[in-house]
Amino acid sequence: RIGVDHVGVGSDLGRFLTEEHMVEMRKGHWTRGPEYGAGKPGQSPVVPDPEWFRTAAQFGNIPAGLAGAGFSDTEIEKL
């Protein structure tokens, strides 16, 4: 099942995240090889953060960002 009744909002934001941390996280502890998320094998993706959510201090902007992406007030409330 997927949808607003079955998910929540989380982030990968880290205050002191370094490339060394990323290498450690991608070691593939639960897989047979490194994990790169949405990137191609062996290539770390560079996905720009939305302007309204670039730091943890901007968590309060999430409802407006979701509304701008087309979520209804009811859906945003559930998330």
C-alpha atoms as a PDB file:
ATOM      1  CA  ARG A   1       0.000   0.000   0.000  1.00  0.00           C
ATOM      2  CA  ILE A   2       1.193   3.447  -0.784  1.00  0.00           C
ATOM      3  CA  GLY A   3      -0.287   6.886  -0.459  1.00  0.00           C
ATOM      4  CA  VAL A   4      -0.788   9.533   2.180  1.00  0.00           C
ATOM      5  CA  ASP A   5      -2.428   7.018   4.532  1.00  0.00           C
ATOM      6  CA  HIS A   6       0.719   4.878   4.585  1.00  0.00           C
ATOM      7  CA  VAL A   7       3.720   7.220   4.502  1.00  0.00           C
ATOM      8  CA  GLY A   8       5.348   9.991   6.483  1.00  0.00           C
ATOM      9  CA  VAL A   9       7.893  12.707   5.843  1.00  0.00           C
ATOM     10  CA  GLY A  10      11.545  12.231   6.671  1.00  0.00           C
ATOM     11  CA  SER A  11      14.721  13.791   5.356  1.00  0.00           C
ATOM     12  CA  ASP A  12      18.318  12.937   4.655  1.00  0.00           C
ATOM     13  CA  LEU A  13      19.441  16.322   5.907  1.00  0.00           C
ATOM     14  CA  GLY A  14      22.415  16.219   8.197  1.00  0.00           C
ATOM     15  CA  ARG A  15      24.074  19.151   9.888  1.00  0.00           C
ATOM     16  CA  PHE A  16      27.599  17.809   9.504  1.00  0.00           C
ATOM     17  CA  LEU A  17      27.276  15.282   6.661  1.00  0.00           C
ATOM     18  CA  THR A  18      30.546  14.818   4.778  1.00  0.00           C
ATOM     19  CA  GLU A  19      31.573  12.783   1.736  1.00  0.00           C
ATOM     20  CA  GLU A  20      33.224  10.357   4.171  1.00  0.00           C
ATOM     21  CA  HIS A  21      29.846   9.791   5.825  1.00  0.00           C
ATOM     22  CA  MET A  22      28.243   9.196   2.422  1.00  0.00           C
ATOM     23  CA  VAL A  23      30.871   6.565   1.555  1.00  0.00           C
ATOM     24  CA  GLU A  24      30.187   4.790   4.860  1.00  0.00           C
ATOM     25  CA  MET A  25      26.406   4.868   4.339  1.00  0.00           C
ATOM     26  CA  ARG A  26      26.740   3.437   0.821  1.00  0.00           C
ATOM     27  CA  LYS A  27      28.798   0.403   1.821  1.00  0.00           C
ATOM     28  CA  GLY A  28      25.836  -1.866   1.202  1.00  0.00           C
ATOM     29  CA  HIS A  29      25.527  -3.438   4.648  1.00  0.00           C
ATOM     30  CA  TRP A  30      22.227  -5.076   3.609  1.00  0.00           C
ATOM     31  CA  THR A  31      23.090  -5.655  -0.063  1.00  0.00           C
ATOM     32  CA  ARG A  32      25.887  -7.296  -1.986  1.00  0.00           C
ATOM     33  CA  GLY A  33      27.395  -4.008  -3.097  1.00  0.00           C
ATOM     34  CA  PRO A  34      27.330  -0.247  -2.598  1.00  0.00           C
ATOM     35  CA  GLU A  35      23.958   1.488  -2.708  1.00  0.00           C
ATOM     36  CA  TYR A  36      23.690   4.748  -4.633  1.00  0.00           C
ATOM     37  CA  GLY A  37      19.987   5.375  -4.291  1.00  0.00           C
ATOM     38  CA  ALA A  38      18.497   6.872  -7.430  1.00  0.00           C
ATOM     39  CA  GLY A  39      21.912   7.169  -9.078  1.00  0.00           C
ATOM     40  CA  LYS A  40      23.454   4.920 -11.681  1.00  0.00           C
ATOM     41  CA  PRO A  41      25.662   2.105 -10.382  1.00  0.00           C
ATOM     42  CA  GLY A  42      28.949   3.602  -9.277  1.00  0.00           C
ATOM     43  CA  GLN A  43      27.670   7.142  -9.645  1.00  0.00           C
ATOM     44  CA  SER A  44      26.321   9.208  -6.796  1.00  0.00           C
ATOM     45  CA  PRO A  45      23.267  11.227  -7.852  1.00  0.00           C
ATOM     46  CA  VAL A  46      23.279  14.968  -7.460  1.00  0.00           C
ATOM     47  CA  VAL A  47      19.704  15.927  -6.741  1.00  0.00           C
ATOM     48  CA  PRO A  48      19.144  19.602  -5.989  1.00  0.00           C
ATOM     49  CA  ASP A  49      17.217  20.400  -2.842  1.00  0.00           C
ATOM     50  CA  PRO A  50      14.057  22.470  -3.325  1.00  0.00           C
ATOM     51  CA  GLU A  51      14.572  26.116  -2.350  1.00  0.00           C
ATOM     52  CA  TRP A  52      11.945  25.793   0.378  1.00  0.00           C
ATOM     53  CA  PHE A  53      13.770  22.880   2.084  1.00  0.00           C
ATOM     54  CA  ARG A  54      17.538  23.241   2.050  1.00  0.00           C
ATOM     55  CA  THR A  55      18.203  23.083   5.794  1.00  0.00           C
ATOM     56  CA  ALA A  56      16.590  21.420   8.799  1.00  0.00           C
ATOM     57  CA  ALA A  57      15.500  24.897   9.934  1.00  0.00           C
ATOM     58  CA  GLN A  58      13.026  24.868   7.024  1.00  0.00           C
ATOM     59  CA  PHE A  59      10.909  21.897   8.162  1.00  0.00           C
ATOM     60  CA  GLY A  60       8.064  24.367   8.699  1.00  0.00           C
ATOM     61  CA  ASN A  61       8.017  25.014   4.944  1.00  0.00           C
ATOM     62  CA  ILE A  62       7.019  21.432   4.119  1.00  0.00           C
ATOM     63  CA  PRO A  63       3.217  22.010   4.099  1.00  0.00           C
ATOM     64  CA  ALA A  64       3.521  24.904   1.635  1.00  0.00           C
ATOM     65  CA  GLY A  65       5.938  22.885  -0.498  1.00  0.00           C
ATOM     66  CA  LEU A  66       3.528  19.947  -0.603  1.00  0.00           C
ATOM     67  CA  ALA A  67       0.649  22.277  -1.467  1.00  0.00           C
ATOM     68  CA  GLY A  68       2.737  23.712  -4.298  1.00  0.00           C
ATOM     69  CA  ALA A  69       3.241  20.160  -5.581  1.00  0.00           C
ATOM     70  CA  GLY A  70      -0.522  19.623  -5.711  1.00  0.00           C
ATOM     71  CA  PHE A  71      -1.300  17.943  -2.389  1.00  0.00           C
ATOM     72  CA  SER A  72      -4.644  18.865  -0.824  1.00  0.00           C
ATOM     73  CA  ASP A  73      -4.987  20.236   2.708  1.00  0.00           C
ATOM     74  CA  THR A  74      -6.420  16.870   3.813  1.00  0.00           C
ATOM     75  CA  GLU A  75      -3.470  14.977   2.315  1.00  0.00           C
ATOM     76  CA  ILE A  76      -0.952  17.370   3.881  1.00  0.00           C
ATOM     77  CA  GLU A  77      -2.621  16.947   7.275  1.00  0.00           C
ATOM     78  CA  LYS A  78      -2.176  13.168   6.994  1.00  0.00           C
ATOM     79  CA  LEU A  79       1.475  13.467   6.082  1.00  0.00           C
END
